[in-house]
């Protein structure tokens, strides 16, 4: 398990296709929580398990889906 910090808040979360999925909204207990964009890639969102209740704006991003992290972006494996 990676140990993310508040330094990751505000980073863009981008799918493998290049589509922006959202922004890191919060870090709780070392885990990332992403505010999902309305036009996020539906297929990638489904693979991430983010296709649940419409009322849920912020979703947990599991470590297994993180490919790499730069100064401004978290790139996903999906």
Protein backbone atom coordinates (compact mmCIF):
# COMPACT_ATOMS: atom_id res chain seq x y z
CA UNK A 1 0.00 0.00 0.00
CA UNK A 2 1.35 3.39 -1.01
CA UNK A 3 1.33 6.15 1.53
CA UNK A 4 -0.07 9.24 -0.17
CA UNK A 5 0.09 12.65 1.48
CA UNK A 6 -1.63 16.01 1.24
CA UNK A 7 0.97 16.88 -1.43
CA UNK A 8 -1.16 14.81 -3.83
CA UNK A 9 -4.32 16.91 -3.32
CA UNK A 10 -5.18 18.85 -6.47
CA UNK A 11 -3.34 16.56 -8.89
CA UNK A 12 -5.17 15.59 -12.07
CA UNK A 13 -6.10 11.92 -12.42
CA UNK A 14 -5.76 10.78 -16.05
CA UNK A 15 -6.84 7.49 -17.64
CA UNK A 16 -4.49 5.56 -19.90
CA UNK A 17 -6.48 6.94 -22.86
CA UNK A 18 -5.48 10.49 -21.85
CA UNK A 19 -8.98 11.44 -20.68
CA UNK A 20 -9.00 13.35 -17.41
CA UNK A 21 -10.96 11.35 -14.85
CA UNK A 22 -10.93 13.93 -12.07
CA UNK A 23 -8.84 15.57 -9.38
CA UNK A 24 -7.49 14.29 -6.07
CA UNK A 25 -9.90 15.83 -3.58
CA UNK A 26 -8.67 14.30 -0.33
CA UNK A 27 -6.15 11.94 1.25
CA UNK A 28 -7.49 9.85 4.14
CA UNK A 29 -5.35 7.38 6.05
CA UNK A 30 -2.84 7.41 3.17
CA UNK A 31 -5.49 6.67 0.49
CA UNK A 32 -6.45 8.91 -2.44
CA UNK A 33 -10.01 10.14 -2.99
CA UNK A 34 -10.89 11.56 -6.40
CA UNK A 35 -13.55 14.08 -7.38
CA UNK A 36 -14.76 12.61 -10.69
CA UNK A 37 -15.28 14.81 -13.76
CA UNK A 38 -18.75 14.65 -15.36
CA UNK A 39 -17.18 13.76 -18.73
CA UNK A 40 -14.83 11.09 -17.35
CA UNK A 41 -14.24 8.00 -19.50
CA UNK A 42 -17.17 5.67 -18.70
CA UNK A 43 -15.22 2.51 -19.50
CA UNK A 44 -12.30 3.49 -17.25
CA UNK A 45 -14.72 4.55 -14.49
CA UNK A 46 -16.37 1.14 -14.68
CA UNK A 47 -13.00 -0.64 -14.41
CA UNK A 48 -12.19 1.48 -11.36
CA UNK A 49 -15.52 0.56 -9.77
CA UNK A 50 -16.64 4.19 -9.91
CA UNK A 51 -19.85 3.54 -11.83
CA UNK A 52 -21.95 3.23 -8.67
CA UNK A 53 -24.43 5.71 -7.26
CA UNK A 54 -24.71 8.93 -9.23
CA UNK A 55 -24.91 10.92 -6.00
CA UNK A 56 -21.37 9.88 -5.06
CA UNK A 57 -19.00 12.64 -6.21
CA UNK A 58 -15.78 11.42 -4.60
CA UNK A 59 -14.39 7.92 -5.10
CA UNK A 60 -11.56 5.95 -3.50
CA UNK A 61 -8.65 5.33 -5.89
CA UNK A 62 -7.06 1.97 -5.16
CA UNK A 63 -3.26 1.72 -5.41
CA UNK A 64 -3.46 -1.11 -7.95
CA UNK A 65 -4.79 1.33 -10.58
CA UNK A 66 -2.02 3.94 -10.22
CA UNK A 67 0.59 3.65 -12.97
CA UNK A 68 2.82 6.65 -12.22
CA UNK A 69 2.80 10.04 -10.53
CA UNK A 70 4.34 13.32 -11.71
CA UNK A 71 4.36 16.82 -10.22
CA UNK A 72 0.83 17.51 -11.52
CA UNK A 73 -0.67 14.21 -12.67
CA UNK A 74 -1.56 10.73 -11.48
CA UNK A 75 -1.69 8.39 -14.47
CA UNK A 76 -3.89 5.29 -14.27
CA UNK A 77 -3.39 1.76 -15.60
CA UNK A 78 -6.94 1.73 -17.02
